[in-house]
PDB file of N, CA and C in Angstrom:
ATOM      1  N   MET A   1      89.334 108.154  82.409  1.00  0.00           N
ATOM      2  CA  MET A   1      90.380 108.872  81.712  1.00  0.00           C
ATOM      3  C   MET A   1      90.135 110.374  81.755  1.00  0.00           C
ATOM      4  N   GLY A   2      88.898 110.792  81.768  1.00  0.00           N
ATOM      5  CA  GLY A   2      88.592 112.216  81.791  1.00  0.00           C
ATOM      6  C   GLY A   2      89.092 112.882  83.061  1.00  0.00           C
ATOM      7  N   ALA A   3      88.943 112.185  84.187  1.00  0.00           N
ATOM      8  CA  ALA A   3      89.408 112.743  85.461  1.00  0.00           C
ATOM      9  C   ALA A   3      90.926 112.884  85.461  1.00  0.00           C
ATOM     10  N   ILE A   4      91.616 111.907  84.908  1.00  0.00           N
ATOM     11  CA  ILE A   4      93.079 111.977  84.825  1.00  0.00           C
ATOM     12  C   ILE A   4      93.487 113.141  83.939  1.00  0.00           C
ATOM     13  N   ALA A   5      92.793 113.341  82.833  1.00  0.00           N
ATOM     14  CA  ALA A   5      93.120 114.445  81.931  1.00  0.00           C
ATOM     15  C   ALA A   5      92.934 115.802  82.622  1.00  0.00           C
ATOM     16  N   ARG A   6      91.879 115.932  83.412  1.00  0.00           N
ATOM     17  CA  ARG A   6      91.643 117.205  84.119  1.00  0.00           C
ATOM     18  C   ARG A   6      92.741 117.489  85.140  1.00  0.00           C
ATOM     19  N   VAL A   7      93.163 116.466  85.864  1.00  0.00           N
ATOM     20  CA  VAL A   7      94.234 116.651  86.845  1.00  0.00           C
ATOM     21  C   VAL A   7      95.553 116.910  86.122  1.00  0.00           C
ATOM     22  N   ALA A   8      95.777 116.245  84.998  1.00  0.00           N
ATOM     23  CA  ALA A   8      97.016 116.427  84.237  1.00  0.00           C
ATOM     24  C   ALA A   8      97.148 117.853  83.718  1.00  0.00           C
ATOM     25  N   GLN A   9      96.044 118.483  83.360  1.00  0.00           N
ATOM     26  CA  GLN A   9      96.097 119.860  82.883  1.00  0.00           C
ATOM     27  C   GLN A   9      96.600 120.805  83.969  1.00  0.00           C
ATOM     28  N   LYS A  10      96.320 120.490  85.222  1.00  0.00           N
ATOM     29  CA  LYS A  10      96.724 121.344  86.336  1.00  0.00           C
ATOM     30  C   LYS A  10      98.107 120.966  86.894  1.00  0.00           C
ATOM     31  N   THR A  11      98.656 119.850  86.412  1.00  0.00           N
ATOM     32  CA  THR A  11      99.939 119.362  86.915  1.00  0.00           C
ATOM     33  C   THR A  11     101.083 120.110  86.234  1.00  0.00           C
ATOM     34  N   PRO A  12     102.056 120.580  87.012  1.00  0.00           N
ATOM     35  CA  PRO A  12     103.199 121.278  86.420  1.00  0.00           C
ATOM     36  C   PRO A  12     103.988 120.381  85.462  1.00  0.00           C
ATOM     37  N   THR A  13     104.618 120.989  84.472  1.00  0.00           N
ATOM     38  CA  THR A  13     105.345 120.255  83.445  1.00  0.00           C
ATOM     39  C   THR A  13     106.457 119.403  84.032  1.00  0.00           C
ATOM     40  N   ASN A  14     107.178 119.922  85.027  1.00  0.00           N
ATOM     41  CA  ASN A  14     108.288 119.141  85.600  1.00  0.00           C
ATOM     42  C   ASN A  14     107.787 117.865  86.285  1.00  0.00           C
ATOM     43  N   VAL A  15     106.593 117.903  86.877  1.00  0.00           N
ATOM     44  CA  VAL A  15     106.018 116.716  87.511  1.00  0.00           C
ATOM     45  C   VAL A  15     105.608 115.709  86.439  1.00  0.00           C
ATOM     46  N   LYS A  16     105.015 116.191  85.348  1.00  0.00           N
ATOM     47  CA  LYS A  16     104.636 115.296  84.243  1.00  0.00           C
ATOM     48  C   LYS A  16     105.872 114.623  83.657  1.00  0.00           C
ATOM     49  N   TYR A  17     106.976 115.364  83.573  1.00  0.00           N
ATOM     50  CA  TYR A  17     108.224 114.803  83.062  1.00  0.00           C
ATOM     51  C   TYR A  17     108.714 113.678  83.967  1.00  0.00           C
ATOM     52  N   GLU A  18     108.637 113.872  85.274  1.00  0.00           N
ATOM     53  CA  GLU A  18     109.071 112.834  86.219  1.00  0.00           C
ATOM     54  C   GLU A  18     108.197 111.579  86.104  1.00  0.00           C
ATOM     55  N   LEU A  19     106.906 111.769  85.900  1.00  0.00           N
ATOM     56  CA  LEU A  19     106.006 110.627  85.733  1.00  0.00           C
ATOM     57  C   LEU A  19     106.348 109.863  84.451  1.00  0.00           C
ATOM     58  N   LEU A  20     106.631 110.583  83.398  1.00  0.00           N
ATOM     59  CA  LEU A  20     107.015 109.954  82.128  1.00  0.00           C
ATOM     60  C   LEU A  20     108.330 109.204  82.282  1.00  0.00           C
ATOM     61  N   LYS A  21     109.255 109.789  83.018  1.00  0.00           N
ATOM     62  CA  LYS A  21     110.551 109.154  83.264  1.00  0.00           C
ATOM     63  C   LYS A  21     110.372 107.836  84.028  1.00  0.00           C
ATOM     64  N   GLN A  22     109.497 107.829  85.026  1.00  0.00           N
ATOM     65  CA  GLN A  22     109.206 106.605  85.769  1.00  0.00           C
ATOM     66  C   GLN A  22     108.593 105.547  84.856  1.00  0.00           C
ATOM     67  N   TYR A  23     107.704 105.982  83.975  1.00  0.00           N
ATOM     68  CA  TYR A  23     107.050 105.067  83.041  1.00  0.00           C
ATOM     69  C   TYR A  23     108.089 104.363  82.173  1.00  0.00           C
ATOM     70  N   VAL A  24     109.037 105.120  81.664  1.00  0.00           N
ATOM     71  CA  VAL A  24     110.074 104.551  80.798  1.00  0.00           C
ATOM     72  C   VAL A  24     110.984 103.618  81.596  1.00  0.00           C
ATOM     73  N   GLU A  25     111.402 104.042  82.778  1.00  0.00           N
ATOM     74  CA  GLU A  25     112.298 103.234  83.607  1.00  0.00           C
ATOM     75  C   GLU A  25     111.658 101.914  84.034  1.00  0.00           C
ATOM     76  N   GLU A  26     110.368 101.930  84.295  1.00  0.00           N
ATOM     77  CA  GLU A  26     109.656 100.736  84.748  1.00  0.00           C
ATOM     78  C   GLU A  26     109.191  99.851  83.585  1.00  0.00           C
ATOM     79  N   GLY A  27     109.270 100.363  82.371  1.00  0.00           N
ATOM     80  CA  GLY A  27     108.817  99.585  81.218  1.00  0.00           C
ATOM     81  C   GLY A  27     107.307  99.537  81.088  1.00  0.00           C
ATOM     82  N   GLY A  28     106.642 100.567  81.543  1.00  0.00           N
ATOM     83  CA  GLY A  28     105.184 100.646  81.445  1.00  0.00           C
ATOM     84  C   GLY A  28     104.568 100.918  82.802  1.00  0.00           C
ATOM     85  N   GLY A  29     103.280 101.075  82.793  1.00  0.00           N
ATOM     86  CA  GLY A  29     102.563 101.353  84.031  1.00  0.00           C
ATOM     87  C   GLY A  29     101.299 102.126  83.734  1.00  0.00           C
ATOM     88  N   THR A  30     100.816 102.830  84.729  1.00  0.00           N
ATOM     89  CA  THR A  30      99.583 103.580  84.578  1.00  0.00           C
ATOM     90  C   THR A  30      99.614 104.804  85.490  1.00  0.00           C
ATOM     91  N   LEU A  31      98.704 105.697  85.254  1.00  0.00           N
ATOM     92  CA  LEU A  31      98.563 106.876  86.105  1.00  0.00           C
ATOM     93  C   LEU A  31      97.360 106.679  87.014  1.00  0.00           C
ATOM     94  N   ARG A  32      97.481 107.137  88.228  1.00  0.00           N
ATOM     95  CA  ARG A  32      96.376 107.108  89.179  1.00  0.00           C
ATOM     96  C   ARG A  32      96.211 108.505  89.743  1.00  0.00           C
ATOM     97  N   ILE A  33      95.038 108.788  90.238  1.00  0.00           N
ATOM     98  CA  ILE A  33      94.779 110.065  90.897  1.00  0.00           C
ATOM     99  C   ILE A  33      94.834 109.823  92.399  1.00  0.00           C
ATOM    100  N   PHE A  34      95.619 110.634  93.075  1.00  0.00           N
ATOM    101  CA  PHE A  34      95.700 110.568  94.534  1.00  0.00           C
ATOM    102  C   PHE A  34      95.001 111.785  95.093  1.00  0.00           C
ATOM    103  N   THR A  35      94.028 111.559  95.961  1.00  0.00           N
ATOM    104  CA  THR A  35      93.315 112.649  96.610  1.00  0.00           C
ATOM    105  C   THR A  35      93.691 112.668  98.079  1.00  0.00           C
ATOM    106  N   ASP A  36      94.134 113.814  98.532  1.00  0.00           N
ATOM    107  CA  ASP A  36      94.503 113.986  99.936  1.00  0.00           C
ATOM    108  C   ASP A  36      93.217 113.991 100.759  1.00  0.00           C
ATOM    109  N   ARG A  37      93.083 113.053 101.673  1.00  0.00           N
ATOM    110  CA  ARG A  37      91.847 112.945 102.466  1.00  0.00           C
ATOM    111  C   ARG A  37      91.646 114.124 103.403  1.00  0.00           C
ATOM    112  N   THR A  38      92.743 114.779 103.794  1.00  0.00           N
ATOM    113  CA  THR A  38      92.595 115.945 104.665  1.00  0.00           C
ATOM    114  C   THR A  38      92.223 117.194 103.883  1.00  0.00           C
ATOM    115  N   ASN A  39      92.493 117.186 102.570  1.00  0.00           N
ATOM    116  CA  ASN A  39      92.152 118.313 101.706  1.00  0.00           C
ATOM    117  C   ASN A  39      91.697 117.764 100.357  1.00  0.00           C
ATOM    118  N   PRO A  40      90.413 117.405 100.207  1.00  0.00           N
ATOM    119  CA  PRO A  40      89.918 116.769  98.991  1.00  0.00           C
ATOM    120  C   PRO A  40      90.117 117.587  97.717  1.00  0.00           C
ATOM    121  N   ASP A  41      90.322 118.897  97.851  1.00  0.00           N
ATOM    122  CA  ASP A  41      90.559 119.715  96.659  1.00  0.00           C
ATOM    123  C   ASP A  41      91.963 119.506  96.104  1.00  0.00           C
ATOM    124  N   ARG A  42      92.829 118.884  96.898  1.00  0.00           N
ATOM    125  CA  ARG A  42      94.210 118.671  96.481  1.00  0.00           C
ATOM    126  C   ARG A  42      94.340 117.274  95.880  1.00  0.00           C
ATOM    127  N   THR A  43      94.374 117.199  94.570  1.00  0.00           N
ATOM    128  CA  THR A  43      94.549 115.931  93.880  1.00  0.00           C
ATOM    129  C   THR A  43      95.823 115.989  93.050  1.00  0.00           C
ATOM    130  N   THR A  44      96.520 114.877  92.979  1.00  0.00           N
ATOM    131  CA  THR A  44      97.750 114.808  92.209  1.00  0.00           C
ATOM    132  C   THR A  44      97.783 113.515  91.413  1.00  0.00           C
ATOM    133  N   LEU A  45      98.590 113.527  90.366  1.00  0.00           N
ATOM    134  CA  LEU A  45      98.823 112.314  89.594  1.00  0.00           C
ATOM    135  C   LEU A  45      99.961 111.542  90.220  1.00  0.00           C
ATOM    136  N   VAL A  46      99.826 110.238  90.265  1.00  0.00           N
ATOM    137  CA  VAL A  46     100.902 109.374  90.729  1.00  0.00           C
ATOM    138  C   VAL A  46     101.080 108.246  89.732  1.00  0.00           C
ATOM    139  N   PHE A  47     102.289 107.733  89.663  1.00  0.00           N
ATOM    140  CA  PHE A  47     102.604 106.627  88.769  1.00  0.00           C
ATOM    141  C   PHE A  47     102.395 105.322  89.511  1.00  0.00           C
ATOM    142  N   ALA A  48     101.756 104.368  88.857  1.00  0.00           N
ATOM    143  CA  ALA A  48     101.602 103.025  89.408  1.00  0.00           C
ATOM    144  C   ALA A  48     102.322 102.061  88.469  1.00  0.00           C
ATOM    145  N   PRO A  49     103.182 101.202  88.998  1.00  0.00           N
ATOM    146  CA  PRO A  49     103.928 100.279  88.140  1.00  0.00           C
ATOM    147  C   PRO A  49     103.022  99.328  87.379  1.00  0.00           C
ATOM    148  N   LYS A  50     103.604  98.686  86.389  1.00  0.00           N
ATOM    149  CA  LYS A  50     102.856  97.782  85.521  1.00  0.00           C
ATOM    150  C   LYS A  50     102.173  96.666  86.318  1.00  0.00           C
ATOM    151  N   SER A  51     102.792  96.240  87.413  1.00  0.00           N
ATOM    152  CA  SER A  51     102.210  95.163  88.220  1.00  0.00           C
ATOM    153  C   SER A  51     100.875  95.567  88.847  1.00  0.00           C
ATOM    154  N   LEU A  52     100.640  96.871  88.998  1.00  0.00           N
ATOM    155  CA  LEU A  52      99.387  97.352  89.568  1.00  0.00           C
ATOM    156  C   LEU A  52      98.421  97.873  88.520  1.00  0.00           C
ATOM    157  N   GLN A  53      98.785  97.768  87.252  1.00  0.00           N
ATOM    158  CA  GLN A  53      97.983  98.370  86.197  1.00  0.00           C
ATOM    159  C   GLN A  53      96.557  97.845  86.165  1.00  0.00           C
ATOM    160  N   GLY A  54      96.359  96.566  86.373  1.00  0.00           N
ATOM    161  CA  GLY A  54      95.015  96.003  86.344  1.00  0.00           C
ATOM    162  C   GLY A  54      94.331  95.997  87.698  1.00  0.00           C
ATOM    163  N   ALA A  55      95.068  96.322  88.753  1.00  0.00           N
ATOM    164  CA  ALA A  55      94.509  96.284  90.110  1.00  0.00           C
ATOM    165  C   ALA A  55      93.690  97.541  90.372  1.00  0.00           C
ATOM    166  N   SER A  56      92.655  97.372  91.131  1.00  0.00           N
ATOM    167  CA  SER A  56      91.833  98.536  91.471  1.00  0.00           C
ATOM    168  C   SER A  56      92.401  99.228  92.700  1.00  0.00           C
ATOM    169  N   THR A  57      92.031 100.471  92.870  1.00  0.00           N
ATOM    170  CA  THR A  57      92.464 101.198  94.053  1.00  0.00           C
ATOM    171  C   THR A  57      91.420 101.014  95.136  1.00  0.00           C
ATOM    172  N   GLN A  58      91.862 101.063  96.387  1.00  0.00           N
ATOM    173  CA  GLN A  58      90.949 100.869  97.502  1.00  0.00           C
ATOM    174  C   GLN A  58      89.975 102.033  97.588  1.00  0.00           C
ATOM    175  N   SER A  59      88.733 101.708  97.748  1.00  0.00           N
ATOM    176  CA  SER A  59      87.696 102.722  97.864  1.00  0.00           C
ATOM    177  C   SER A  59      87.772 103.395  99.224  1.00  0.00           C
ATOM    178  N   GLN A  60      87.396 104.674  99.259  1.00  0.00           N
ATOM    179  CA  GLN A  60      87.339 105.368 100.541  1.00  0.00           C
ATOM    180  C   GLN A  60      86.114 104.955 101.344  1.00  0.00           C
ATOM    181  N   PHE A  61      85.196 104.238 100.719  1.00  0.00           N
ATOM    182  CA  PHE A  61      83.994 103.772 101.393  1.00  0.00           C
ATOM    183  C   PHE A  61      84.222 102.359 101.893  1.00  0.00           C
ATOM    184  N   GLY A  62      83.819 102.089 103.092  1.00  0.00           N
ATOM    185  CA  GLY A  62      84.009 100.766 103.679  1.00  0.00           C
ATOM    186  C   GLY A  62      83.099  99.739 103.041  1.00  0.00           C
ATOM    187  N   GLY A  63      83.426  98.489 103.266  1.00  0.00           N
ATOM    188  CA  GLY A  63      82.573  97.417 102.786  1.00  0.00           C
ATOM    189  C   GLY A  63      81.220  97.499 103.461  1.00  0.00           C
ATOM    190  N   GLY A  64      80.266  96.906 102.863  1.00  0.00           N
ATOM    191  CA  GLY A  64      78.938  96.991 103.467  1.00  0.00           C
ATOM    192  C   GLY A  64      78.074  95.876 102.939  1.00  0.00           C
ATOM    193  N   GLY A  65      76.978  96.250 102.398  1.00  0.00           N
ATOM    194  CA  GLY A  65      76.055  95.250 101.912  1.00  0.00           C
ATOM    195  C   GLY A  65      74.977  94.984 102.938  1.00  0.00           C
ATOM    196  N   THR A  66      74.026  94.210 102.533  1.00  0.00           N
ATOM    197  CA  THR A  66      72.909  93.931 103.428  1.00  0.00           C
ATOM    198  C   THR A  66      73.090  92.651 104.197  1.00  0.00           C
ATOM    199  N   MET A  67      74.059  91.848 103.823  1.00  0.00           N
ATOM    200  CA  MET A  67      74.326  90.567 104.471  1.00  0.00           C
ATOM    201  C   MET A  67      73.047  89.740 104.579  1.00  0.00           C
ATOM    202  N   GLY A  68      72.248  89.776 103.542  1.00  0.00           N
ATOM    203  CA  GLY A  68      71.029  88.992 103.536  1.00  0.00           C
ATOM    204  C   GLY A  68      69.834  89.666 104.140  1.00  0.00           C
ATOM    205  N   HIS A  69      70.034  90.823 104.725  1.00  0.00           N
ATOM    206  CA  HIS A  69      68.923  91.530 105.365  1.00  0.00           C
ATOM    207  C   HIS A  69      68.416  92.606 104.406  1.00  0.00           C
ATOM    208  N   THR A  70      67.143  92.782 104.364  1.00  0.00           N
ATOM    209  CA  THR A  70      66.553  93.820 103.528  1.00  0.00           C
ATOM    210  C   THR A  70      65.622  94.669 104.366  1.00  0.00           C
ATOM    211  N   ALA A  71      65.152  95.736 103.787  1.00  0.00           N
ATOM    212  CA  ALA A  71      64.225  96.624 104.485  1.00  0.00           C
ATOM    213  C   ALA A  71      62.923  95.903 104.816  1.00  0.00           C
ATOM    214  N   MET A  72      62.636  94.846 104.075  1.00  0.00           N
ATOM    215  CA  MET A  72      61.406  94.107 104.312  1.00  0.00           C
ATOM    216  C   MET A  72      61.619  92.957 105.293  1.00  0.00           C
ATOM    217  N   GLY A  73      62.758  92.936 105.996  1.00  0.00           N
ATOM    218  CA  GLY A  73      62.991  91.902 106.997  1.00  0.00           C
ATOM    219  C   GLY A  73      63.409  90.575 106.411  1.00  0.00           C
ATOM    220  N   GLY A  74      64.223  90.616 105.385  1.00  0.00           N
ATOM    221  CA  GLY A  74      64.668  89.393 104.702  1.00  0.00           C
ATOM    222  C   GLY A  74      65.367  88.412 105.632  1.00  0.00           C
ATOM    223  N   VAL A  75      65.886  87.375 105.068  1.00  0.00           N
ATOM    224  CA  VAL A  75      66.473  86.265 105.814  1.00  0.00           C
ATOM    225  C   VAL A  75      67.680  86.699 106.585  1.00  0.00           C
TER     226      VAL A  75
END
């Protein structure tokens, strides 16, 4: 929530109004932070509908894991 609040402080009032309008029209939802991958300093708030409220956003980091292998030569 702190990150959303910081981005919201920098968001123009007319954009916040549009997000609120979407929230009312959709009957609820949530705010997400969108970061432009070509310019990481450029972050904006976006509205996510209620159907996505509990869903997580895709990480910019790919899947990984050790797949059973460890530094000690595991299975």
